[in-house]
Structures are given as structure tokens and as C-alpha cells.
């Protein structure tokens, strides 16, 4: 948990009041499944888009930054189990959720105490605004002071949008000339704009397999094996308690008899596109370790499927798209137990 400065406490108290006002609107009902809006703050290069979490137990709103993030939101809505469940870690995100005290994690509870927001620590059913921040390469954490100022402006803009949507639901329909983006002008006032979202296919970068890896792959023998594959977020020990925790991933394979294969811990600090550039090499090393290319490969991640489609030209394996990989939860437990002993986050 980071240190809380005395000067930032008023900002968080204003954020908490705004979050409480927003929750009264029930954004999950006002925002349909395809509805969103953008907020382009003065001094920011890219707008933030509202991602209203309608299926969570408690009201929550995410502010995700940039058009690529918006494309990921739409893709998640339109295609089951797509994109990766970890997609949110690839973008700057600020989030506010309303939760009872009994459901709030210890670090978040400490944040409420230090910012003066915890009114009655004995009332476990009291509802509070909980704030999260995500930056690419790191796990969600408590926001810093600068993010508090940013979040306050985003909440103010959202409140204005909800007041208008309550009277005109069509305001959020992207068929009415594109996505509504309110832009903060130089005088601090909001102006309406309509912008067409960039197609997801243009923004999504397909990982390419280097030629030397393709040559090595094509020389591997086929082996009779059914393997589930996934790039998994892993638990990392050794992280500093007062610093934002890093996000590490590992390529994991789970075969039908329970054997689990996995590669090295991969940092995502340079972004997800750079992370995925490492996956072809990890995949080749895994197959070399196994002794060949499995006859059946199962995957749920769209990016991993795209990568495997490139390899299918060179070796005759069966590629299966699964929305749920049944062996992966147990495999993830084994992999996390291994990496927790390695202190990769130090």
C-alpha cells in the first residue's frame, strides 16, 4: 500500500461523493450492452471511454483510454470469450465500484482509512466507493494522487452524460452518427462530438512467427498428444508492498492425462504487442521439450489461435477453438505454485 499525502485527501473525498451520485443513476440500466461514451479531457491525447460493468455483483464503471481499448470492449461484447480475459491489463484504466465494506480487500480498506473515507469500520454492510488503477504491464492497484485528479474530472463528465441520457437514451446509440465523445475545451466547458470507432481488425496486431522459428517448427515430428494452450497471468512473489505490482504471464500447456508444460515468466511491461512477440519462441521451446508437435491443439485466445493458424500450414495438427479450456484451471494452480517459489517480481 502506497503512502497517502494529506493534500490528496480532499480529491478522494470529492471522488467518493461523485461515485455515490453516479451509483444512484444505476448506470447498468441506462447503458445498454452496446452503449458507451467518451470523455476527452483537456491536455490528454486520447479520450477515455466508459465501460459499464453490468453483470458484476456491485455497480462499477471503468474508464479505459484510447480507441483500441474501445475496440476491445466492443469485441468482448460481440464475440463470446473474446478477447483475452486479461485484455484490460493492456490499457490505462481507472475504475470505481460501489461495494460493502465486508467485500473490500485489505489494501483497499486501508486506502479508505488513510483518505478519511471510512466512516464506520464496524458496519460491514456500509457501501463505499472503491477505486482501482491499471497501467500497461502492471496489475490493478490503488490510484496515485495524479490519477485522483484525473478520476475526479472523469466522474464529473460522466455525471453530466448520465443526466442527459436519463432524458434521451438515444444519445448513446452509436448508430446516431458514431460514439458520443464529450470534449473539454480550453475554458473547461464540455462540447459534444461524434466519432466513428476504428474497426477492431485494424487495431489488433496479429503475432507473426519469425522465419527461423517456422523452419525449426517444420522440422519437428508429430506426436500423439491432445494439448490445451493458454497464455496465463501468473502470481509473482517478491513484489514490493509499496509499489505497483507487475503483471507476468507464462505460456501453459495442459495435456489430457494431467501433465502440465510451461515456459518462462514473461513481463508485459512493454505492452501486450511486445508480450505476444515472445510467444512464438515460447511455443517452439515447449514443443521441443515435449518432443514434437501435438496432433491436437486447443485454445480459447483469439491471438493464440491466429498464431497457431500460421503454424498449421507447416505441420498437420488439428486446431480446436474452445470457449472454455477445462484442464487449464488445475494447470494454473500448478504453475502458480512453481512461480511463487521463484520470486520473479523482485
Protein backbone atom coordinates (compact mmCIF):
# COMPACT_ATOMS: atom_id res chain seq x y z
CA UNK A 1 0.00 0.00 0.00
CA UNK A 2 1.44 3.38 -1.03
CA UNK A 3 1.76 6.44 1.18
CA UNK A 4 -1.26 8.78 1.12
CA UNK A 5 -0.46 12.51 1.06
CA UNK A 6 -2.51 14.88 3.18
CA UNK A 7 -3.02 17.16 0.16
CA UNK A 8 -4.78 14.47 -1.87
CA UNK A 9 -7.45 13.58 0.71
CA UNK A 10 -9.93 16.28 -0.44
CA UNK A 11 -9.70 14.94 -4.02
CA UNK A 12 -10.62 11.42 -2.92
CA UNK A 13 -13.48 12.70 -0.80
CA UNK A 14 -14.88 14.52 -3.84
CA UNK A 15 -14.40 11.38 -5.94
CA UNK A 16 -16.32 9.34 -3.35
CA UNK A 17 -19.22 11.82 -3.40
CA UNK A 18 -19.35 11.78 -7.20
CA UNK A 19 -19.19 7.96 -7.27
CA UNK A 20 -22.14 7.80 -4.87
CA UNK A 21 -24.13 10.17 -7.09
CA UNK A 22 -23.37 8.08 -10.17
CA UNK A 23 -24.47 4.86 -8.47
CA UNK A 24 -27.93 6.36 -7.82
CA UNK A 25 -28.47 6.59 -11.59
CA UNK A 26 -27.99 2.81 -11.95
CA UNK A 27 -25.67 3.14 -14.99
CA UNK A 28 -26.09 -0.57 -15.80
CA UNK A 29 -29.69 0.12 -16.82
CA UNK A 30 -29.06 3.41 -18.61
CA UNK A 31 -26.20 1.91 -20.63
CA UNK A 32 -27.34 -0.92 -22.90
CA UNK A 33 -24.92 -3.69 -23.97
CA UNK A 34 -23.54 -1.69 -26.92
CA UNK A 35 -23.74 1.75 -25.32
CA UNK A 36 -20.68 3.76 -24.40
CA UNK A 37 -19.47 7.34 -24.43
CA UNK A 38 -16.11 9.02 -24.50
CA UNK A 39 -14.64 11.79 -22.36
CA UNK A 40 -11.75 13.74 -23.88
CA UNK A 41 -10.09 15.78 -21.16
CA UNK A 42 -8.14 18.93 -21.84
CA UNK A 43 -4.42 18.10 -22.07
CA UNK A 44 -4.99 14.38 -22.81
CA UNK A 45 -4.05 13.00 -26.24
CA UNK A 46 -6.71 10.26 -26.24
CA UNK A 47 -10.27 10.07 -24.89
CA UNK A 48 -11.37 7.75 -22.10
CA UNK A 49 -14.37 5.50 -22.80
CA UNK A 50 -16.97 4.36 -20.31
CA UNK A 51 -17.17 0.62 -19.80
CA UNK A 52 -20.16 -0.01 -17.54
CA UNK A 53 -19.87 -3.41 -15.86
CA UNK A 54 -23.50 -4.53 -15.84
CA UNK A 55 -23.02 -8.18 -14.83
CA UNK A 56 -20.88 -7.60 -11.72
CA UNK A 57 -22.41 -8.00 -8.23
CA UNK A 58 -21.86 -4.28 -7.49
CA UNK A 59 -22.18 -1.17 -9.70
CA UNK A 60 -18.89 -0.40 -11.42
CA UNK A 61 -17.62 1.90 -14.17
CA UNK A 62 -14.29 1.64 -15.94
CA UNK A 63 -12.65 4.47 -17.81
CA UNK A 64 -10.43 2.87 -20.47
CA UNK A 65 -8.10 5.04 -22.51
CA UNK A 66 -7.93 5.14 -26.30
CA UNK A 67 -9.72 3.86 -29.39
CA UNK A 68 -8.03 0.48 -29.25
CA UNK A 69 -9.47 -0.07 -25.78
CA UNK A 70 -12.94 0.81 -27.11
CA UNK A 71 -12.49 -1.71 -29.92
CA UNK A 72 -11.61 -4.37 -27.34
CA UNK A 73 -14.77 -3.54 -25.39
CA UNK A 74 -16.94 -3.96 -28.49
CA UNK A 75 -15.15 -7.19 -29.43
CA UNK A 76 -15.76 -8.60 -25.96
CA UNK A 77 -19.47 -7.80 -26.25
CA UNK A 78 -19.90 -9.16 -29.77
CA UNK A 79 -17.85 -12.38 -29.61
CA UNK A 80 -18.15 -14.82 -26.73
CA UNK A 81 -14.95 -15.20 -24.67
CA UNK A 82 -13.09 -12.75 -26.89
CA UNK A 83 -10.72 -11.03 -26.39
CA UNK A 84 -8.49 -12.48 -23.66
CA UNK A 85 -9.81 -12.03 -20.10
CA UNK A 86 -6.58 -10.14 -19.40
CA UNK A 87 -7.19 -7.55 -22.13
CA UNK A 88 -7.83 -4.82 -19.58
CA UNK A 89 -4.20 -5.04 -18.37
CA UNK A 90 -3.04 -3.72 -21.73
CA UNK A 91 -4.55 -0.25 -21.32
CA UNK A 92 -4.56 2.68 -18.90
CA UNK A 93 -7.73 2.17 -16.84
CA UNK A 94 -9.37 3.91 -13.90
CA UNK A 95 -12.26 2.14 -12.20
CA UNK A 96 -14.76 2.91 -9.48
CA UNK A 97 -17.05 0.34 -7.87
CA UNK A 98 -19.60 0.54 -5.05
CA UNK A 99 -19.03 -2.29 -2.55
CA UNK A 100 -19.97 -3.16 1.04
CA UNK A 101 -17.08 -3.00 3.49
CA UNK A 102 -17.14 -6.76 4.06
CA UNK A 103 -16.23 -7.34 0.38
CA UNK A 104 -13.39 -4.82 0.24
CA UNK A 105 -9.81 -6.13 0.13
CA UNK A 106 -7.39 -5.19 2.98
CA UNK A 107 -5.29 -2.77 0.87
CA UNK A 108 -8.43 -1.01 -0.37
CA UNK A 109 -9.79 -0.81 3.16
CA UNK A 110 -6.53 0.75 4.30
CA UNK A 111 -6.83 3.27 1.45
CA UNK A 112 -10.31 4.23 2.71
CA UNK A 113 -8.96 4.68 6.24
CA UNK A 114 -5.98 6.82 5.19
CA UNK A 115 -8.06 9.06 2.92
CA UNK A 116 -10.68 9.62 5.64
CA UNK A 117 -13.44 7.86 3.69
CA UNK A 118 -14.08 5.05 6.17
CA UNK A 119 -16.92 6.43 8.30
CA UNK A 120 -17.76 3.39 10.42
CA UNK A 121 -15.25 0.49 10.40
CA UNK A 122 -17.67 -1.66 12.46
CA UNK A 123 -20.51 -1.54 9.90
CA UNK A 124 -19.50 -4.27 7.45
CA UNK A 125 -22.58 -3.63 5.28
CA UNK A 126 -21.85 0.05 4.69
CA UNK A 127 -21.25 0.69 0.96
CA UNK A 128 -18.15 2.61 -0.18
CA UNK A 129 -16.65 3.75 -3.44
CA UNK A 130 -13.57 1.64 -4.23
CA UNK A 131 -11.01 2.94 -6.73
CA UNK A 132 -8.64 0.95 -8.93
CA UNK A 133 -5.93 1.98 -11.38
CA UNK A 134 -4.31 -0.11 -14.11
CA UNK A 135 -1.38 0.84 -16.31
CA UNK A 136 0.03 -1.49 -19.00
CA UNK A 137 2.39 -4.09 -17.60
CA UNK A 138 1.03 -3.91 -14.06
CA UNK A 139 -1.80 -5.34 -12.00
CA UNK A 140 -4.67 -3.14 -10.74
CA UNK A 141 -3.67 -1.07 -7.70
CA UNK A 142 -4.79 1.94 -5.69
CA UNK A 143 -4.57 5.10 -7.82
CA UNK A 144 -1.93 7.73 -7.17
CA UNK A 145 -2.58 11.40 -6.43
CA UNK A 146 -2.41 12.50 -10.09
CA UNK A 147 -4.86 9.76 -11.07
CA UNK A 148 -7.21 11.00 -8.36
CA UNK A 149 -7.36 14.43 -10.03
CA UNK A 150 -7.93 12.75 -13.39
CA UNK A 151 -10.63 10.46 -11.99
CA UNK A 152 -12.49 13.41 -10.44
CA UNK A 153 -12.73 15.09 -13.85
CA UNK A 154 -13.88 11.84 -15.48
CA UNK A 155 -16.57 11.32 -12.84
CA UNK A 156 -17.80 14.90 -13.32
CA UNK A 157 -18.04 14.33 -17.08
CA UNK A 158 -19.84 11.02 -16.57
CA UNK A 159 -22.37 12.61 -14.24
CA UNK A 160 -23.20 15.15 -16.93
CA UNK A 161 -23.63 12.38 -19.50
CA UNK A 162 -25.95 10.37 -17.24
CA UNK A 163 -28.12 13.41 -16.53
CA UNK A 164 -28.65 13.78 -20.27
CA UNK A 165 -29.05 10.06 -21.04
CA UNK A 166 -31.79 9.83 -18.43
CA UNK A 167 -33.83 12.15 -20.69
CA UNK A 168 -32.57 10.84 -24.07
CA UNK A 169 -31.36 7.22 -24.24
CA UNK A 170 -30.64 7.61 -27.97
CA UNK A 171 -27.71 9.83 -27.08
CA UNK A 172 -25.57 6.70 -26.53
CA UNK A 173 -26.63 4.85 -29.68
CA UNK A 174 -23.55 4.69 -31.96
CA UNK A 175 -25.89 4.43 -34.98
CA UNK A 176 -26.72 8.12 -34.43
CA UNK A 177 -23.55 9.32 -36.13
CA UNK A 178 -20.94 7.47 -34.11
CA UNK A 179 -19.85 7.35 -30.48
CA UNK A 180 -20.67 10.38 -28.34
CA UNK A 181 -17.43 11.97 -27.10
CA UNK A 182 -17.66 15.00 -24.84
CA UNK A 183 -14.58 17.18 -25.18
CA UNK A 184 -13.33 19.59 -22.52
CA UNK A 185 -12.43 22.89 -24.18
CA UNK A 186 -9.84 25.43 -23.05
CA UNK A 187 -12.33 27.19 -20.78
CA UNK A 188 -13.20 23.92 -19.03
CA UNK A 189 -16.64 23.55 -20.67
CA UNK A 190 -17.87 20.38 -22.36
CA UNK A 191 -18.55 20.18 -26.11
CA UNK A 192 -20.29 17.29 -27.92
CA UNK A 193 -18.59 15.47 -30.78
CA UNK A 194 -19.48 12.27 -32.64
CA UNK A 195 -16.69 9.93 -33.72
CA UNK A 196 -16.71 6.67 -35.64
CA UNK A 197 -14.79 3.92 -33.82
CA UNK A 198 -11.77 2.41 -35.56
CA UNK A 199 -12.52 -1.22 -36.62
CA UNK A 200 -11.04 -3.78 -34.24
CA UNK A 201 -9.42 -5.73 -37.10
CA UNK A 202 -7.24 -2.71 -37.93
CA UNK A 203 -6.13 -2.19 -34.34
CA UNK A 204 -5.49 -5.83 -33.41
CA UNK A 205 -1.91 -6.84 -34.14
CA UNK A 206 -1.57 -10.49 -35.13
CA UNK A 207 1.60 -12.04 -33.72
CA UNK A 208 3.87 -13.17 -36.55
CA UNK A 209 6.12 -16.20 -36.32
CA UNK A 210 9.73 -15.43 -37.34
CA UNK A 211 11.04 -17.41 -40.32
CA UNK A 212 13.73 -19.18 -38.29
CA UNK A 213 11.06 -20.38 -35.84
CA UNK A 214 8.90 -21.61 -38.73
CA UNK A 215 11.84 -23.54 -40.15
CA UNK A 216 12.56 -25.14 -36.76
CA UNK A 217 8.87 -25.89 -36.26
CA UNK A 218 8.52 -27.56 -39.65
CA UNK A 219 11.32 -30.00 -38.76
CA UNK A 220 9.63 -31.21 -35.55
CA UNK A 221 7.94 -34.64 -35.65
CA UNK A 222 4.23 -35.12 -34.88
CA UNK A 223 3.36 -36.79 -31.55
CA UNK A 224 0.06 -38.31 -30.46
CA UNK A 225 -0.98 -35.76 -27.85
CA UNK A 226 -4.01 -33.55 -27.10
CA UNK A 227 -2.79 -30.25 -25.62
CA UNK A 228 -4.70 -27.23 -24.32
CA UNK A 229 -2.73 -23.98 -24.69
CA UNK A 230 -3.14 -20.62 -22.97
CA UNK A 231 -1.09 -17.57 -22.13
CA UNK A 232 -1.87 -17.26 -18.41
CA UNK A 233 -1.45 -14.46 -15.93
CA UNK A 234 0.70 -15.88 -13.14
CA UNK A 235 1.19 -14.99 -9.49
CA UNK A 236 4.57 -13.43 -8.73
CA UNK A 237 6.19 -13.32 -5.31
CA UNK A 238 8.86 -10.84 -4.22
CA UNK A 239 6.91 -7.71 -5.24
CA UNK A 240 7.47 -4.56 -3.16
CA UNK A 241 4.42 -3.88 -0.93
CA UNK A 242 4.55 -0.12 -1.62
CA UNK A 243 4.99 -0.36 -5.38
CA UNK A 244 2.53 -1.16 -8.10
CA UNK A 245 2.71 -4.96 -8.72
CA UNK A 246 3.97 -6.07 -12.14
CA UNK A 247 1.95 -8.41 -14.36
CA UNK A 248 3.73 -11.58 -15.52
CA UNK A 249 2.48 -14.24 -17.94
CA UNK A 250 3.53 -17.74 -18.95
CA UNK A 251 2.61 -19.95 -21.89
CA UNK A 252 0.98 -23.05 -20.39
CA UNK A 253 0.10 -26.39 -21.97
CA UNK A 254 -2.14 -28.99 -20.31
CA UNK A 255 -2.46 -32.49 -21.75
CA UNK A 256 -5.33 -34.91 -21.16
CA UNK A 257 -3.54 -37.08 -18.57
CA UNK A 258 -2.71 -34.17 -16.30
CA UNK A 259 0.85 -33.31 -17.32
CA UNK A 260 1.48 -29.56 -17.39
CA UNK A 261 4.09 -27.80 -19.51
CA UNK A 262 5.04 -24.16 -19.14
CA UNK A 263 7.63 -21.66 -20.29
CA UNK A 264 9.40 -18.74 -18.67
CA UNK A 265 7.74 -15.88 -16.80
CA UNK A 266 7.16 -13.11 -19.36
CA UNK A 267 6.90 -9.46 -18.37
CA UNK A 268 4.20 -7.33 -20.01
CA UNK A 269 5.86 -4.02 -19.05
CA UNK A 270 6.42 -3.08 -22.73
CA UNK A 271 2.77 -3.69 -23.64
CA UNK A 272 0.79 -6.64 -24.93
CA UNK A 273 2.03 -6.43 -28.52
CA UNK A 274 5.62 -6.85 -27.31
CA UNK A 275 4.49 -9.62 -24.94
CA UNK A 276 2.95 -11.57 -27.80
CA UNK A 277 6.10 -11.22 -29.89
CA UNK A 278 7.75 -13.54 -27.34
CA UNK A 279 5.07 -16.24 -27.59
CA UNK A 280 6.19 -17.93 -30.87
CA UNK A 281 9.61 -18.63 -29.34
CA UNK A 282 7.99 -19.93 -26.14
CA UNK A 283 5.71 -22.18 -28.20
CA UNK A 284 8.64 -23.62 -30.16
CA UNK A 285 10.60 -24.31 -26.97
CA UNK A 286 7.58 -26.04 -25.43
CA UNK A 287 7.17 -28.34 -28.45
CA UNK A 288 10.88 -29.11 -28.45
CA UNK A 289 10.63 -30.00 -24.76
CA UNK A 290 7.63 -32.24 -25.39
CA UNK A 291 9.41 -33.94 -28.28
CA UNK A 292 7.27 -32.78 -31.18
CA UNK A 293 4.07 -31.11 -32.31
CA UNK A 294 0.89 -32.47 -30.66
CA UNK A 295 -1.68 -33.88 -33.06
CA UNK A 296 -4.43 -31.79 -31.39
CA UNK A 297 -4.08 -28.25 -30.06
CA UNK A 298 -6.91 -26.49 -28.23
CA UNK A 299 -7.01 -22.76 -27.47
CA UNK A 300 -9.51 -20.06 -26.49
CA UNK A 301 -7.45 -16.90 -27.01
CA UNK A 302 -8.03 -15.28 -30.39
CA UNK A 303 -4.41 -14.15 -30.66
CA UNK A 304 -3.12 -17.61 -29.84
CA UNK A 305 -5.47 -19.13 -32.42
CA UNK A 306 -4.19 -16.69 -35.05
CA UNK A 307 -0.62 -17.66 -34.23
CA UNK A 308 -1.40 -21.39 -34.41
CA UNK A 309 -3.16 -20.93 -37.76
CA UNK A 310 0.17 -19.74 -39.17
CA UNK A 311 1.85 -22.92 -37.91
CA UNK A 312 -0.89 -25.20 -39.24
CA UNK A 313 0.45 -24.62 -42.76
CA UNK A 314 3.70 -26.39 -41.83
CA UNK A 315 2.52 -29.31 -39.67
CA UNK A 316 -0.76 -31.29 -39.91
CA UNK A 317 -2.16 -30.79 -36.40
CA UNK A 318 -5.84 -30.37 -35.58
CA UNK A 319 -6.67 -26.92 -34.20
CA UNK A 320 -9.74 -26.63 -31.96
CA UNK A 321 -11.26 -23.34 -30.77
CA UNK A 322 -12.67 -23.85 -27.28
CA UNK A 323 -14.58 -21.17 -25.40
CA UNK A 324 -13.59 -22.90 -22.15
CA UNK A 325 -10.41 -24.89 -21.52
CA UNK A 326 -11.38 -27.47 -18.89
CA UNK A 327 -7.85 -28.53 -17.86
CA UNK A 328 -6.47 -25.01 -17.52
CA UNK A 329 -7.74 -24.09 -14.01
CA UNK A 330 -5.91 -27.07 -12.44
CA UNK A 331 -2.85 -26.39 -14.63
CA UNK A 332 -2.84 -22.76 -13.48
CA UNK A 333 -2.70 -23.88 -9.84
CA UNK A 334 0.40 -25.98 -10.51
CA UNK A 335 2.11 -23.23 -12.49
CA UNK A 336 1.41 -20.59 -9.84
CA UNK A 337 2.78 -22.83 -7.10
CA UNK A 338 6.00 -23.12 -9.09
CA UNK A 339 6.44 -19.42 -9.83
CA UNK A 340 5.58 -18.34 -6.28
CA UNK A 341 8.81 -20.01 -5.16
CA UNK A 342 10.93 -18.12 -7.72
CA UNK A 343 10.43 -14.51 -6.56
CA UNK A 344 10.19 -13.27 -10.13
CA UNK A 345 8.69 -9.97 -9.05
CA UNK A 346 11.72 -8.85 -7.04
